[in-house]
Amino acid sequence: MENYGKSWKDIALFLASLLRYKGLRVYPIGLVGRIKATRVMRDYGLDFDDALAVQALRELSIATIVSYEDDFDAVEWVKRHTPEDLL
């Protein structure tokens, strides 16, 4: 997780706010999945965070992601939607 210039306090507040979302699940990706994510980095030119997301999609048999990050468009089996697409 990149901090984009945010302080530890801002990041802690954001993460704590996620507890309020009903139905939100955080998928725990293990060491093997993280290693496989490095292959996703190689194959699609993604950074590690994005490659982890793609690896999680693969492990969960999900082919859709909601993101502004257009780097996911390089992964042919992933369909990306922006939040506005779903309104």
PDB file of N, CA and C in Angstrom:
ATOM      1  N   MET A   1       0.849  -1.176   0.000  1.00  0.00           N
ATOM      2  CA  MET A   1       0.000   0.000   0.000  1.00  0.00           C
ATOM      3  C   MET A   1       0.888   1.230   0.000  1.00  0.00           C
ATOM      4  N   GLU A   2       0.702   2.070  -0.967  1.00  0.00           N
ATOM      5  CA  GLU A   2       1.473   3.298  -1.040  1.00  0.00           C
ATOM      6  C   GLU A   2       0.791   4.356  -0.199  1.00  0.00           C
ATOM      7  N   ASN A   3       1.599   5.274   0.371  1.00  0.00           N
ATOM      8  CA  ASN A   3       0.979   6.265   1.250  1.00  0.00           C
ATOM      9  C   ASN A   3       0.697   7.590   0.562  1.00  0.00           C
ATOM     10  N   TYR A   4       1.172   7.793  -0.655  1.00  0.00           N
ATOM     11  CA  TYR A   4       0.871   9.000  -1.423  1.00  0.00           C
ATOM     12  C   TYR A   4       1.002  10.266  -0.582  1.00  0.00           C
ATOM     13  N   GLY A   5       2.040  10.331   0.236  1.00  0.00           N
ATOM     14  CA  GLY A   5       2.293  11.520   1.037  1.00  0.00           C
ATOM     15  C   GLY A   5       1.410  11.647   2.264  1.00  0.00           C
ATOM     16  N   LYS A   6       0.634  10.636   2.573  1.00  0.00           N
ATOM     17  CA  LYS A   6      -0.240  10.665   3.749  1.00  0.00           C
ATOM     18  C   LYS A   6       0.555  10.241   4.985  1.00  0.00           C
ATOM     19  N   SER A   7       0.182  10.800   6.117  1.00  0.00           N
ATOM     20  CA  SER A   7       0.843  10.444   7.369  1.00  0.00           C
ATOM     21  C   SER A   7       0.326   9.097   7.866  1.00  0.00           C
ATOM     22  N   TRP A   8       1.028   8.529   8.805  1.00  0.00           N
ATOM     23  CA  TRP A   8       0.591   7.261   9.391  1.00  0.00           C
ATOM     24  C   TRP A   8      -0.787   7.419  10.014  1.00  0.00           C
ATOM     25  N   LYS A   9      -1.050   8.610  10.558  1.00  0.00           N
ATOM     26  CA  LYS A   9      -2.333   8.872  11.206  1.00  0.00           C
ATOM     27  C   LYS A   9      -3.476   8.851  10.182  1.00  0.00           C
ATOM     28  N   ASP A  10      -3.243   9.485   9.018  1.00  0.00           N
ATOM     29  CA  ASP A  10      -4.251   9.484   7.949  1.00  0.00           C
ATOM     30  C   ASP A  10      -4.539   8.063   7.467  1.00  0.00           C
ATOM     31  N   ILE A  11      -3.486   7.278   7.319  1.00  0.00           N
ATOM     32  CA  ILE A  11      -3.644   5.905   6.844  1.00  0.00           C
ATOM     33  C   ILE A  11      -4.392   5.070   7.883  1.00  0.00           C
ATOM     34  N   ALA A  12      -4.042   5.242   9.156  1.00  0.00           N
ATOM     35  CA  ALA A  12      -4.736   4.513  10.227  1.00  0.00           C
ATOM     36  C   ALA A  12      -6.218   4.875  10.258  1.00  0.00           C
ATOM     37  N   LEU A  13      -6.530   6.154  10.087  1.00  0.00           N
ATOM     38  CA  LEU A  13      -7.925   6.603  10.087  1.00  0.00           C
ATOM     39  C   LEU A  13      -8.687   5.991   8.909  1.00  0.00           C
ATOM     40  N   PHE A  14      -8.060   6.000   7.734  1.00  0.00           N
ATOM     41  CA  PHE A  14      -8.692   5.403   6.556  1.00  0.00           C
ATOM     42  C   PHE A  14      -8.964   3.915   6.783  1.00  0.00           C
ATOM     43  N   LEU A  15      -7.950   3.185   7.242  1.00  0.00           N
ATOM     44  CA  LEU A  15      -8.126   1.745   7.448  1.00  0.00           C
ATOM     45  C   LEU A  15      -9.202   1.462   8.494  1.00  0.00           C
ATOM     46  N   ALA A  16      -9.231   2.246   9.561  1.00  0.00           N
ATOM     47  CA  ALA A  16     -10.268   2.066  10.586  1.00  0.00           C
ATOM     48  C   ALA A  16     -11.653   2.340  10.010  1.00  0.00           C
ATOM     49  N   SER A  17     -11.750   3.285   9.072  1.00  0.00           N
ATOM     50  CA  SER A  17     -13.053   3.608   8.477  1.00  0.00           C
ATOM     51  C   SER A  17     -13.613   2.437   7.678  1.00  0.00           C
ATOM     52  N   LEU A  18     -12.752   1.558   7.202  1.00  0.00           N
ATOM     53  CA  LEU A  18     -13.204   0.400   6.434  1.00  0.00           C
ATOM     54  C   LEU A  18     -14.038  -0.558   7.279  1.00  0.00           C
ATOM     55  N   LEU A  19     -13.863  -0.499   8.588  1.00  0.00           N
ATOM     56  CA  LEU A  19     -14.630  -1.371   9.482  1.00  0.00           C
ATOM     57  C   LEU A  19     -16.123  -1.082   9.430  1.00  0.00           C
ATOM     58  N   ARG A  20     -16.502   0.113   8.988  1.00  0.00           N
ATOM     59  CA  ARG A  20     -17.917   0.494   8.932  1.00  0.00           C
ATOM     60  C   ARG A  20     -18.647  -0.079   7.724  1.00  0.00           C
ATOM     61  N   TYR A  21     -17.924  -0.566   6.736  1.00  0.00           N
ATOM     62  CA  TYR A  21     -18.557  -1.066   5.518  1.00  0.00           C
ATOM     63  C   TYR A  21     -19.067  -2.481   5.730  1.00  0.00           C
ATOM     64  N   LYS A  22     -20.367  -2.636   5.698  1.00  0.00           N
ATOM     65  CA  LYS A  22     -20.970  -3.961   5.837  1.00  0.00           C
ATOM     66  C   LYS A  22     -20.727  -4.746   4.541  1.00  0.00           C
ATOM     67  N   GLY A  23     -20.334  -5.978   4.666  1.00  0.00           N
ATOM     68  CA  GLY A  23     -20.125  -6.818   3.501  1.00  0.00           C
ATOM     69  C   GLY A  23     -18.734  -6.714   2.895  1.00  0.00           C
ATOM     70  N   LEU A  24     -17.926  -5.775   3.366  1.00  0.00           N
ATOM     71  CA  LEU A  24     -16.563  -5.649   2.837  1.00  0.00           C
ATOM     72  C   LEU A  24     -15.712  -6.777   3.408  1.00  0.00           C
ATOM     73  N   ARG A  25     -15.028  -7.471   2.518  1.00  0.00           N
ATOM     74  CA  ARG A  25     -14.102  -8.514   2.941  1.00  0.00           C
ATOM     75  C   ARG A  25     -12.713  -8.151   2.459  1.00  0.00           C
ATOM     76  N   VAL A  26     -11.742  -8.381   3.293  1.00  0.00           N
ATOM     77  CA  VAL A  26     -10.347  -8.205   2.907  1.00  0.00           C
ATOM     78  C   VAL A  26      -9.791  -9.602   2.672  1.00  0.00           C
ATOM     79  N   TYR A  27      -9.358  -9.844   1.453  1.00  0.00           N
ATOM     80  CA  TYR A  27      -8.868 -11.166   1.084  1.00  0.00           C
ATOM     81  C   TYR A  27      -7.415 -11.313   1.526  1.00  0.00           C
ATOM     82  N   PRO A  28      -7.133 -12.291   2.375  1.00  0.00           N
ATOM     83  CA  PRO A  28      -5.748 -12.489   2.821  1.00  0.00           C
ATOM     84  C   PRO A  28      -4.973 -13.293   1.775  1.00  0.00           C
ATOM     85  N   ILE A  29      -4.003 -12.673   1.158  1.00  0.00           N
ATOM     86  CA  ILE A  29      -3.217 -13.371   0.137  1.00  0.00           C
ATOM     87  C   ILE A  29      -1.912 -13.842   0.778  1.00  0.00           C
ATOM     88  N   GLY A  30      -1.630 -15.117   0.611  1.00  0.00           N
ATOM     89  CA  GLY A  30      -0.471 -15.724   1.254  1.00  0.00           C
ATOM     90  C   GLY A  30       0.821 -15.519   0.471  1.00  0.00           C
ATOM     91  N   LEU A  31       1.871 -16.119   0.994  1.00  0.00           N
ATOM     92  CA  LEU A  31       3.189 -15.981   0.386  1.00  0.00           C
ATOM     93  C   LEU A  31       3.226 -16.552  -1.031  1.00  0.00           C
ATOM     94  N   VAL A  32       2.600 -17.694  -1.244  1.00  0.00           N
ATOM     95  CA  VAL A  32       2.587 -18.295  -2.590  1.00  0.00           C
ATOM     96  C   VAL A  32       1.879 -17.358  -3.565  1.00  0.00           C
ATOM     97  N   GLY A  33       0.756 -16.773  -3.145  1.00  0.00           N
ATOM     98  CA  GLY A  33       0.048 -15.817  -3.991  1.00  0.00           C
ATOM     99  C   GLY A  33       0.889 -14.590  -4.295  1.00  0.00           C
ATOM    100  N   ARG A  34       1.666 -14.148  -3.311  1.00  0.00           N
ATOM    101  CA  ARG A  34       2.546 -12.992  -3.526  1.00  0.00           C
ATOM    102  C   ARG A  34       3.653 -13.323  -4.525  1.00  0.00           C
ATOM    103  N   ILE A  35       4.157 -14.538  -4.438  1.00  0.00           N
ATOM    104  CA  ILE A  35       5.170 -14.971  -5.407  1.00  0.00           C
ATOM    105  C   ILE A  35       4.557 -15.031  -6.800  1.00  0.00           C
ATOM    106  N   LYS A  36       3.348 -15.583  -6.904  1.00  0.00           N
ATOM    107  CA  LYS A  36       2.666 -15.629  -8.205  1.00  0.00           C
ATOM    108  C   LYS A  36       2.397 -14.224  -8.735  1.00  0.00           C
ATOM    109  N   ALA A  37       2.168 -13.274  -7.844  1.00  0.00           N
ATOM    110  CA  ALA A  37       1.930 -11.888  -8.267  1.00  0.00           C
ATOM    111  C   ALA A  37       3.150 -11.308  -8.973  1.00  0.00           C
ATOM    112  N   THR A  38       4.347 -11.785  -8.629  1.00  0.00           N
ATOM    113  CA  THR A  38       5.532 -11.281  -9.335  1.00  0.00           C
ATOM    114  C   THR A  38       5.520 -11.715 -10.798  1.00  0.00           C
ATOM    115  N   ARG A  39       4.914 -12.865 -11.077  1.00  0.00           N
ATOM    116  CA  ARG A  39       4.761 -13.291 -12.476  1.00  0.00           C
ATOM    117  C   ARG A  39       3.747 -12.413 -13.198  1.00  0.00           C
ATOM    118  N   VAL A  40       2.707 -12.013 -12.470  1.00  0.00           N
ATOM    119  CA  VAL A  40       1.723 -11.086 -13.043  1.00  0.00           C
ATOM    120  C   VAL A  40       2.412  -9.762 -13.370  1.00  0.00           C
ATOM    121  N   MET A  41       3.304  -9.309 -12.486  1.00  0.00           N
ATOM    122  CA  MET A  41       4.079  -8.086 -12.753  1.00  0.00           C
ATOM    123  C   MET A  41       4.837  -8.232 -14.068  1.00  0.00           C
ATOM    124  N   ARG A  42       5.527  -9.359 -14.198  1.00  0.00           N
ATOM    125  CA  ARG A  42       6.328  -9.616 -15.396  1.00  0.00           C
ATOM    126  C   ARG A  42       5.460  -9.698 -16.644  1.00  0.00           C
ATOM    127  N   ASP A  43       4.369 -10.446 -16.561  1.00  0.00           N
ATOM    128  CA  ASP A  43       3.547 -10.712 -17.741  1.00  0.00           C
ATOM    129  C   ASP A  43       2.763  -9.501 -18.224  1.00  0.00           C
ATOM    130  N   TYR A  44       2.358  -8.624 -17.297  1.00  0.00           N
ATOM    131  CA  TYR A  44       1.477  -7.510 -17.669  1.00  0.00           C
ATOM    132  C   TYR A  44       2.059  -6.131 -17.386  1.00  0.00           C
ATOM    133  N   GLY A  45       3.273  -6.071 -16.856  1.00  0.00           N
ATOM    134  CA  GLY A  45       3.905  -4.780 -16.604  1.00  0.00           C
ATOM    135  C   GLY A  45       3.249  -3.984 -15.481  1.00  0.00           C
ATOM    136  N   LEU A  46       2.659  -4.685 -14.513  1.00  0.00           N
ATOM    137  CA  LEU A  46       1.982  -4.012 -13.407  1.00  0.00           C
ATOM    138  C   LEU A  46       2.936  -3.803 -12.242  1.00  0.00           C
ATOM    139  N   ASP A  47       2.614  -2.817 -11.383  1.00  0.00           N
ATOM    140  CA  ASP A  47       3.377  -2.697 -10.151  1.00  0.00           C
ATOM    141  C   ASP A  47       2.891  -3.780  -9.188  1.00  0.00           C
ATOM    142  N   PHE A  48       3.597  -3.938  -8.075  1.00  0.00           N
ATOM    143  CA  PHE A  48       3.300  -5.059  -7.186  1.00  0.00           C
ATOM    144  C   PHE A  48       1.895  -4.983  -6.598  1.00  0.00           C
ATOM    145  N   ASP A  49       1.450  -3.799  -6.186  1.00  0.00           N
ATOM    146  CA  ASP A  49       0.100  -3.672  -5.612  1.00  0.00           C
ATOM    147  C   ASP A  49      -0.978  -4.089  -6.611  1.00  0.00           C
ATOM    148  N   ASP A  50      -0.856  -3.630  -7.852  1.00  0.00           N
ATOM    149  CA  ASP A  50      -1.842  -3.995  -8.874  1.00  0.00           C
ATOM    150  C   ASP A  50      -1.759  -5.487  -9.204  1.00  0.00           C
ATOM    151  N   ALA A  51      -0.537  -6.015  -9.245  1.00  0.00           N
ATOM    152  CA  ALA A  51      -0.367  -7.444  -9.514  1.00  0.00           C
ATOM    153  C   ALA A  51      -0.977  -8.289  -8.395  1.00  0.00           C
ATOM    154  N   LEU A  52      -0.880  -7.830  -7.149  1.00  0.00           N
ATOM    155  CA  LEU A  52      -1.526  -8.531  -6.036  1.00  0.00           C
ATOM    156  C   LEU A  52      -3.034  -8.556  -6.216  1.00  0.00           C
ATOM    157  N   ALA A  53      -3.589  -7.437  -6.659  1.00  0.00           N
ATOM    158  CA  ALA A  53      -5.038  -7.378  -6.895  1.00  0.00           C
ATOM    159  C   ALA A  53      -5.439  -8.370  -7.980  1.00  0.00           C
ATOM    160  N   VAL A  54      -4.671  -8.431  -9.063  1.00  0.00           N
ATOM    161  CA  VAL A  54      -4.974  -9.369 -10.152  1.00  0.00           C
ATOM    162  C   VAL A  54      -4.832 -10.811  -9.663  1.00  0.00           C
ATOM    163  N   GLN A  55      -3.810 -11.089  -8.880  1.00  0.00           N
ATOM    164  CA  GLN A  55      -3.638 -12.441  -8.344  1.00  0.00           C
ATOM    165  C   GLN A  55      -4.804 -12.812  -7.432  1.00  0.00           C
ATOM    166  N   ALA A  56      -5.273 -11.871  -6.632  1.00  0.00           N
ATOM    167  CA  ALA A  56      -6.441 -12.133  -5.775  1.00  0.00           C
ATOM    168  C   ALA A  56      -7.674 -12.419  -6.627  1.00  0.00           C
ATOM    169  N   LEU A  57      -7.859 -11.646  -7.704  1.00  0.00           N
ATOM    170  CA  LEU A  57      -8.977 -11.912  -8.616  1.00  0.00           C
ATOM    171  C   LEU A  57      -8.898 -13.339  -9.147  1.00  0.00           C
ATOM    172  N   ARG A  58      -7.705 -13.726  -9.559  1.00  0.00           N
ATOM    173  CA  ARG A  58      -7.507 -15.075 -10.106  1.00  0.00           C
ATOM    174  C   ARG A  58      -7.856 -16.136  -9.059  1.00  0.00           C
ATOM    175  N   GLU A  59      -7.355 -15.964  -7.839  1.00  0.00           N
ATOM    176  CA  GLU A  59      -7.599 -16.952  -6.791  1.00  0.00           C
ATOM    177  C   GLU A  59      -9.077 -17.042  -6.416  1.00  0.00           C
ATOM    178  N   LEU A  60      -9.793 -15.939  -6.553  1.00  0.00           N
ATOM    179  CA  LEU A  60     -11.215 -15.904  -6.202  1.00  0.00           C
ATOM    180  C   LEU A  60     -12.128 -16.170  -7.401  1.00  0.00           C
ATOM    181  N   SER A  61     -11.535 -16.433  -8.568  1.00  0.00           N
ATOM    182  CA  SER A  61     -12.295 -16.657  -9.815  1.00  0.00           C
ATOM    183  C   SER A  61     -13.219 -15.487 -10.121  1.00  0.00           C
ATOM    184  N   ILE A  62     -12.676 -14.290  -9.991  1.00  0.00           N
ATOM    185  CA  ILE A  62     -13.401 -13.054 -10.292  1.00  0.00           C
ATOM    186  C   ILE A  62     -12.712 -12.403 -11.482  1.00  0.00           C
ATOM    187  N   ALA A  63     -13.478 -11.911 -12.433  1.00  0.00           N
ATOM    188  CA  ALA A  63     -12.896 -11.318 -13.640  1.00  0.00           C
ATOM    189  C   ALA A  63     -13.247  -9.843 -13.794  1.00  0.00           C
ATOM    190  N   THR A  64     -13.762  -9.216 -12.750  1.00  0.00           N
ATOM    191  CA  THR A  64     -14.162  -7.813 -12.821  1.00  0.00           C
ATOM    192  C   THR A  64     -13.558  -7.056 -11.654  1.00  0.00           C
ATOM    193  N   ILE A  65     -13.081  -5.843 -11.937  1.00  0.00           N
ATOM    194  CA  ILE A  65     -12.543  -4.983 -10.883  1.00  0.00           C
ATOM    195  C   ILE A  65     -13.108  -3.579 -11.059  1.00  0.00           C
ATOM    196  N   VAL A  66     -13.331  -2.894  -9.966  1.00  0.00           N
ATOM    197  CA  VAL A  66     -13.765  -1.498  -9.991  1.00  0.00           C
ATOM    198  C   VAL A  66     -12.557  -0.663  -9.603  1.00  0.00           C
ATOM    199  N   SER A  67     -12.087   0.146 -10.547  1.00  0.00           N
ATOM    200  CA  SER A  67     -10.868   0.909 -10.309  1.00  0.00           C
ATOM    201  C   SER A  67     -10.727   2.021 -11.343  1.00  0.00           C
ATOM    202  N   TYR A  68     -10.065   3.084 -10.944  1.00  0.00           N
ATOM    203  CA  TYR A  68      -9.677   4.122 -11.897  1.00  0.00           C
ATOM    204  C   TYR A  68      -8.351   3.771 -12.571  1.00  0.00           C
ATOM    205  N   GLU A  69      -7.662   2.779 -12.068  1.00  0.00           N
ATOM    206  CA  GLU A  69      -6.333   2.408 -12.539  1.00  0.00           C
ATOM    207  C   GLU A  69      -6.424   1.703 -13.888  1.00  0.00           C
ATOM    208  N   ASP A  70      -6.041   2.409 -14.955  1.00  0.00           N
ATOM    209  CA  ASP A  70      -6.177   1.818 -16.290  1.00  0.00           C
ATOM    210  C   ASP A  70      -5.091   0.794 -16.616  1.00  0.00           C
ATOM    211  N   ASP A  71      -4.115   0.620 -15.731  1.00  0.00           N
ATOM    212  CA  ASP A  71      -3.118  -0.428 -15.949  1.00  0.00           C
ATOM    213  C   ASP A  71      -3.751  -1.820 -15.959  1.00  0.00           C
ATOM    214  N   PHE A  72      -4.902  -1.962 -15.287  1.00  0.00           N
ATOM    215  CA  PHE A  72      -5.595  -3.255 -15.287  1.00  0.00           C
ATOM    216  C   PHE A  72      -6.093  -3.623 -16.682  1.00  0.00           C
ATOM    217  N   ASP A  73      -6.217  -2.652 -17.570  1.00  0.00           N
ATOM    218  CA  ASP A  73      -6.688  -2.921 -18.932  1.00  0.00           C
ATOM    219  C   ASP A  73      -5.721  -3.810 -19.714  1.00  0.00           C
ATOM    220  N   ALA A  74      -4.471  -3.895 -19.257  1.00  0.00           N
ATOM    221  CA  ALA A  74      -3.485  -4.748 -19.926  1.00  0.00           C
ATOM    222  C   ALA A  74      -3.767  -6.233 -19.703  1.00  0.00           C
ATOM    223  N   VAL A  75      -4.555  -6.542 -18.695  1.00  0.00           N
ATOM    224  CA  VAL A  75      -4.863  -7.939 -18.370  1.00  0.00           C
ATOM    225  C   VAL A  75      -6.131  -8.314 -19.125  1.00  0.00           C
ATOM    226  N   GLU A  76      -5.972  -9.131 -20.163  1.00  0.00           N
ATOM    227  CA  GLU A  76      -7.069  -9.372 -21.105  1.00  0.00           C
ATOM    228  C   GLU A  76      -8.287 -10.028 -20.472  1.00  0.00           C
ATOM    229  N   TRP A  77      -8.114 -10.794 -19.428  1.00  0.00           N
ATOM    230  CA  TRP A  77      -9.258 -11.490 -18.822  1.00  0.00           C
ATOM    231  C   TRP A  77      -9.940 -10.689 -17.711  1.00  0.00           C
ATOM    232  N   VAL A  78      -9.401  -9.497 -17.403  1.00  0.00           N
ATOM    233  CA  VAL A  78     -10.004  -8.646 -16.370  1.00  0.00           C
ATOM    234  C   VAL A  78     -10.810  -7.538 -17.034  1.00  0.00           C
ATOM    235  N   LYS A  79     -12.053  -7.411 -16.641  1.00  0.00           N
ATOM    236  CA  LYS A  79     -12.918  -6.317 -17.101  1.00  0.00           C
ATOM    237  C   LYS A  79     -12.900  -5.248 -16.015  1.00  0.00           C
ATOM    238  N   ARG A  80     -12.469  -4.043 -16.383  1.00  0.00           N
ATOM    239  CA  ARG A  80     -12.388  -2.947 -15.418  1.00  0.00           C
ATOM    240  C   ARG A  80     -13.562  -2.000 -15.595  1.00  0.00           C
ATOM    241  N   HIS A  81     -14.162  -1.622 -14.479  1.00  0.00           N
ATOM    242  CA  HIS A  81     -15.202  -0.599 -14.455  1.00  0.00           C
ATOM    243  C   HIS A  81     -14.736   0.522 -13.544  1.00  0.00           C
ATOM    244  N   THR A  82     -15.105   1.746 -13.865  1.00  0.00           N
ATOM    245  CA  THR A  82     -14.895   2.851 -12.933  1.00  0.00           C
ATOM    246  C   THR A  82     -16.114   2.916 -12.018  1.00  0.00           C
ATOM    247  N   PRO A  83     -15.985   3.557 -10.878  1.00  0.00           N
ATOM    248  CA  PRO A  83     -17.160   3.684 -10.002  1.00  0.00           C
ATOM    249  C   PRO A  83     -18.351   4.327 -10.712  1.00  0.00           C
ATOM    250  N   GLU A  84     -18.087   5.286 -11.591  1.00  0.00           N
ATOM    251  CA  GLU A  84     -19.170   5.952 -12.324  1.00  0.00           C
ATOM    252  C   GLU A  84     -19.914   4.996 -13.247  1.00  0.00           C
ATOM    253  N   ASP A  85     -19.213   3.993 -13.765  1.00  0.00           N
ATOM    254  CA  ASP A  85     -19.864   3.005 -14.631  1.00  0.00           C
ATOM    255  C   ASP A  85     -20.988   2.272 -13.907  1.00  0.00           C
ATOM    256  N   LEU A  86     -20.902   2.215 -12.607  1.00  0.00           N
ATOM    257  CA  LEU A  86     -21.848   1.417 -11.829  1.00  0.00           C
ATOM    258  C   LEU A  86     -22.969   2.237 -11.214  1.00  0.00           C
ATOM    259  N   LEU A  87     -22.965   3.538 -11.478  1.00  0.00           N
ATOM    260  CA  LEU A  87     -24.029   4.390 -10.931  1.00  0.00           C
ATOM    261  C   LEU A  87     -25.259   4.360 -11.805  1.00  0.00           C
TER     262      LEU A  87
END
